[in-house]
Amino acid sequence: DDILEIEVWNEGEGLSPEKLEKAFEKFVRFHDEKSSERRGTGLGLFISREIVRGHGGEIVAKSESGKWISFTVKLPVRRKP
């Protein structure tokens, strides 16, 4: 369908539906209950989404809280004539 689809998946904490809904917002960071640290700037997923959108694509996150999370990037493929 002229769409390149890339999925990154891992086992781990995952995100609750409430957190997943906010994951791509600017400056959003989630506190790790196992650690007192907050790491990162909260810009990584926001910037990733903007880059993907800039290329005419979309990025989608799915998760099962406490078990896994996946990110799927879909980009249009432009074929040379």
N, C-alpha and C. Protein backbone atom coordinates (compact mmCIF):
# COMPACT_ATOMS: atom_id res chain seq x y z
N ASP A 1 0.82 -1.21 0.00
CA ASP A 1 0.00 0.00 0.00
C ASP A 1 0.85 1.26 0.00
N ASP A 2 2.10 1.17 -0.35
CA ASP A 2 3.01 2.31 -0.34
C ASP A 2 3.15 2.95 1.03
N ILE A 3 3.04 2.13 2.09
CA ILE A 3 3.24 2.59 3.46
C ILE A 3 4.30 1.71 4.11
N LEU A 4 5.31 2.34 4.66
CA LEU A 4 6.33 1.63 5.43
C LEU A 4 5.90 1.66 6.88
N GLU A 5 5.85 0.48 7.51
CA GLU A 5 5.41 0.39 8.89
C GLU A 5 6.54 -0.22 9.73
N ILE A 6 6.92 0.48 10.78
CA ILE A 6 7.98 0.03 11.68
C ILE A 6 7.41 -0.02 13.09
N GLU A 7 7.59 -1.16 13.75
CA GLU A 7 7.11 -1.29 15.12
C GLU A 7 8.27 -1.58 16.05
N VAL A 8 8.30 -0.85 17.17
CA VAL A 8 9.26 -1.08 18.24
C VAL A 8 8.45 -1.53 19.45
N TRP A 9 8.83 -2.66 20.02
CA TRP A 9 8.04 -3.25 21.09
C TRP A 9 8.97 -3.70 22.19
N ASN A 10 8.55 -3.54 23.44
CA ASN A 10 9.34 -4.13 24.52
C ASN A 10 8.47 -4.52 25.70
N GLU A 11 8.99 -5.46 26.47
CA GLU A 11 8.36 -5.84 27.72
C GLU A 11 8.84 -4.88 28.78
N GLY A 12 8.02 -4.63 29.74
CA GLY A 12 8.41 -3.71 30.80
C GLY A 12 7.19 -3.14 31.47
N GLU A 13 7.35 -1.95 31.98
CA GLU A 13 6.28 -1.33 32.76
C GLU A 13 5.04 -1.00 31.94
N GLY A 14 5.22 -0.60 30.70
CA GLY A 14 4.07 -0.17 29.91
C GLY A 14 3.44 1.07 30.51
N LEU A 15 2.33 1.50 29.93
CA LEU A 15 1.63 2.68 30.42
C LEU A 15 0.15 2.40 30.55
N SER A 16 -0.47 3.01 31.53
CA SER A 16 -1.92 2.91 31.69
C SER A 16 -2.58 3.68 30.55
N PRO A 17 -3.84 3.40 30.25
CA PRO A 17 -4.53 4.15 29.19
C PRO A 17 -4.51 5.66 29.41
N GLU A 18 -4.60 6.11 30.66
CA GLU A 18 -4.57 7.55 30.95
C GLU A 18 -3.22 8.16 30.60
N LYS A 19 -2.14 7.46 30.93
CA LYS A 19 -0.80 7.96 30.62
C LYS A 19 -0.52 7.86 29.13
N LEU A 20 -0.96 6.78 28.51
CA LEU A 20 -0.72 6.58 27.08
C LEU A 20 -1.34 7.70 26.26
N GLU A 21 -2.49 8.18 26.71
CA GLU A 21 -3.19 9.28 26.04
C GLU A 21 -2.36 10.56 26.03
N LYS A 22 -1.50 10.74 27.05
CA LYS A 22 -0.70 11.96 27.19
C LYS A 22 0.75 11.79 26.75
N ALA A 23 1.15 10.61 26.34
CA ALA A 23 2.56 10.29 26.10
C ALA A 23 3.23 11.18 25.06
N PHE A 24 2.48 11.68 24.07
CA PHE A 24 3.07 12.47 22.99
C PHE A 24 2.99 13.98 23.23
N GLU A 25 2.50 14.38 24.39
CA GLU A 25 2.41 15.80 24.71
C GLU A 25 3.78 16.35 25.09
N LYS A 26 3.98 17.62 24.81
CA LYS A 26 5.25 18.28 25.11
C LYS A 26 5.49 18.35 26.62
N PHE A 27 6.71 18.02 27.03
CA PHE A 27 7.20 18.08 28.40
C PHE A 27 6.53 17.10 29.36
N VAL A 28 5.89 16.06 28.84
CA VAL A 28 5.27 15.06 29.70
C VAL A 28 6.33 14.04 30.12
N ARG A 29 6.47 13.86 31.42
CA ARG A 29 7.36 12.85 31.98
C ARG A 29 6.57 12.06 33.00
N PHE A 30 6.79 10.76 33.02
CA PHE A 30 6.07 9.91 33.96
C PHE A 30 7.01 9.49 35.08
N HIS A 31 6.54 9.58 36.29
CA HIS A 31 7.33 9.23 37.47
C HIS A 31 7.42 7.71 37.58
N ASP A 32 8.62 7.22 37.76
CA ASP A 32 8.84 5.80 37.99
C ASP A 32 8.71 5.54 39.48
N GLU A 33 7.69 4.76 39.86
CA GLU A 33 7.45 4.50 41.28
C GLU A 33 8.63 3.77 41.94
N LYS A 34 9.42 3.03 41.17
CA LYS A 34 10.55 2.28 41.72
C LYS A 34 11.76 3.18 41.97
N SER A 35 11.74 4.35 41.42
CA SER A 35 12.87 5.27 41.54
C SER A 35 12.35 6.65 41.92
N SER A 36 13.14 7.38 42.67
CA SER A 36 12.73 8.73 43.04
C SER A 36 13.11 9.73 41.95
N GLU A 37 13.82 9.27 40.91
CA GLU A 37 14.28 10.14 39.84
C GLU A 37 13.23 10.35 38.75
N ARG A 38 13.27 11.53 38.19
CA ARG A 38 12.55 11.80 36.95
C ARG A 38 13.62 12.08 35.92
N ARG A 39 13.64 11.31 34.87
CA ARG A 39 14.69 11.47 33.87
C ARG A 39 14.10 11.97 32.57
N GLY A 40 14.95 12.60 31.77
CA GLY A 40 14.54 13.08 30.47
C GLY A 40 13.88 14.45 30.54
N THR A 41 13.59 14.97 29.35
CA THR A 41 12.99 16.30 29.26
C THR A 41 11.50 16.26 28.93
N GLY A 42 11.01 15.09 28.56
CA GLY A 42 9.62 15.01 28.15
C GLY A 42 9.40 15.49 26.73
N LEU A 43 10.46 15.49 25.92
CA LEU A 43 10.35 15.96 24.54
C LEU A 43 10.52 14.86 23.50
N GLY A 44 11.07 13.72 23.86
CA GLY A 44 11.41 12.68 22.89
C GLY A 44 10.24 12.21 22.03
N LEU A 45 9.15 11.81 22.65
CA LEU A 45 8.00 11.34 21.88
C LEU A 45 7.32 12.48 21.14
N PHE A 46 7.29 13.66 21.75
CA PHE A 46 6.71 14.82 21.08
C PHE A 46 7.48 15.13 19.79
N ILE A 47 8.81 15.20 19.88
CA ILE A 47 9.63 15.49 18.71
C ILE A 47 9.52 14.38 17.67
N SER A 48 9.51 13.13 18.12
CA SER A 48 9.35 12.00 17.19
C SER A 48 8.06 12.12 16.41
N ARG A 49 6.98 12.43 17.11
CA ARG A 49 5.69 12.58 16.43
C ARG A 49 5.72 13.71 15.42
N GLU A 50 6.34 14.83 15.77
CA GLU A 50 6.41 15.96 14.85
C GLU A 50 7.23 15.62 13.60
N ILE A 51 8.32 14.90 13.76
CA ILE A 51 9.13 14.49 12.61
C ILE A 51 8.33 13.56 11.70
N VAL A 52 7.68 12.57 12.30
CA VAL A 52 6.89 11.62 11.52
C VAL A 52 5.76 12.33 10.79
N ARG A 53 5.06 13.22 11.47
CA ARG A 53 3.99 13.99 10.83
C ARG A 53 4.52 14.86 9.70
N GLY A 54 5.72 15.42 9.90
CA GLY A 54 6.34 16.25 8.88
C GLY A 54 6.63 15.49 7.59
N HIS A 55 6.74 14.19 7.71
CA HIS A 55 6.95 13.34 6.54
C HIS A 55 5.65 12.70 6.05
N GLY A 56 4.52 13.18 6.55
CA GLY A 56 3.23 12.68 6.11
C GLY A 56 2.80 11.38 6.74
N GLY A 57 3.40 11.03 7.87
CA GLY A 57 3.09 9.76 8.52
C GLY A 57 2.40 9.94 9.85
N GLU A 58 2.35 8.84 10.58
CA GLU A 58 1.75 8.86 11.91
C GLU A 58 2.51 7.89 12.81
N ILE A 59 2.45 8.17 14.11
CA ILE A 59 3.04 7.29 15.10
C ILE A 59 1.97 6.97 16.13
N VAL A 60 1.87 5.70 16.49
CA VAL A 60 0.82 5.24 17.39
C VAL A 60 1.47 4.42 18.51
N ALA A 61 1.01 4.61 19.73
CA ALA A 61 1.48 3.82 20.87
C ALA A 61 0.35 2.93 21.37
N LYS A 62 0.71 1.71 21.73
CA LYS A 62 -0.22 0.78 22.37
C LYS A 62 0.50 0.19 23.56
N SER A 63 -0.25 -0.15 24.61
CA SER A 63 0.39 -0.67 25.80
C SER A 63 -0.57 -1.48 26.63
N GLU A 64 0.01 -2.39 27.39
CA GLU A 64 -0.72 -3.05 28.45
C GLU A 64 0.05 -2.72 29.72
N SER A 65 -0.59 -1.97 30.60
CA SER A 65 0.08 -1.46 31.79
C SER A 65 0.72 -2.59 32.58
N GLY A 66 2.00 -2.39 32.90
CA GLY A 66 2.74 -3.38 33.68
C GLY A 66 3.30 -4.53 32.88
N LYS A 67 3.04 -4.56 31.55
CA LYS A 67 3.48 -5.70 30.76
C LYS A 67 4.29 -5.34 29.53
N TRP A 68 3.82 -4.40 28.71
CA TRP A 68 4.51 -4.09 27.46
C TRP A 68 4.05 -2.75 26.89
N ILE A 69 4.83 -2.26 25.95
CA ILE A 69 4.46 -1.06 25.19
C ILE A 69 5.02 -1.21 23.78
N SER A 70 4.30 -0.67 22.80
CA SER A 70 4.80 -0.69 21.42
C SER A 70 4.52 0.67 20.78
N PHE A 71 5.40 1.02 19.87
CA PHE A 71 5.25 2.23 19.08
C PHE A 71 5.31 1.81 17.62
N THR A 72 4.33 2.22 16.84
CA THR A 72 4.31 1.92 15.42
C THR A 72 4.37 3.22 14.63
N VAL A 73 5.35 3.29 13.73
CA VAL A 73 5.52 4.44 12.85
C VAL A 73 5.07 4.02 11.45
N LYS A 74 4.20 4.80 10.85
CA LYS A 74 3.74 4.55 9.48
C LYS A 74 4.12 5.73 8.63
N LEU A 75 4.89 5.46 7.57
CA LEU A 75 5.36 6.51 6.67
C LEU A 75 5.01 6.19 5.24
N PRO A 76 4.60 7.20 4.47
CA PRO A 76 4.32 6.96 3.05
C PRO A 76 5.65 6.70 2.33
N VAL A 77 5.59 5.79 1.36
CA VAL A 77 6.76 5.47 0.55
C VAL A 77 6.57 6.15 -0.79
N ARG A 78 7.53 6.96 -1.15
CA ARG A 78 7.47 7.63 -2.46
C ARG A 78 8.38 6.88 -3.40
N ARG A 79 7.80 6.32 -4.41
CA ARG A 79 8.58 5.54 -5.37
C ARG A 79 9.08 6.42 -6.50
N LYS A 80 10.28 6.12 -6.96
CA LYS A 80 10.83 6.87 -8.10
C LYS A 80 10.11 6.43 -9.36
N PRO A 81 9.83 7.39 -10.24
CA PRO A 81 9.12 7.04 -11.49
C PRO A 81 9.94 6.18 -12.41
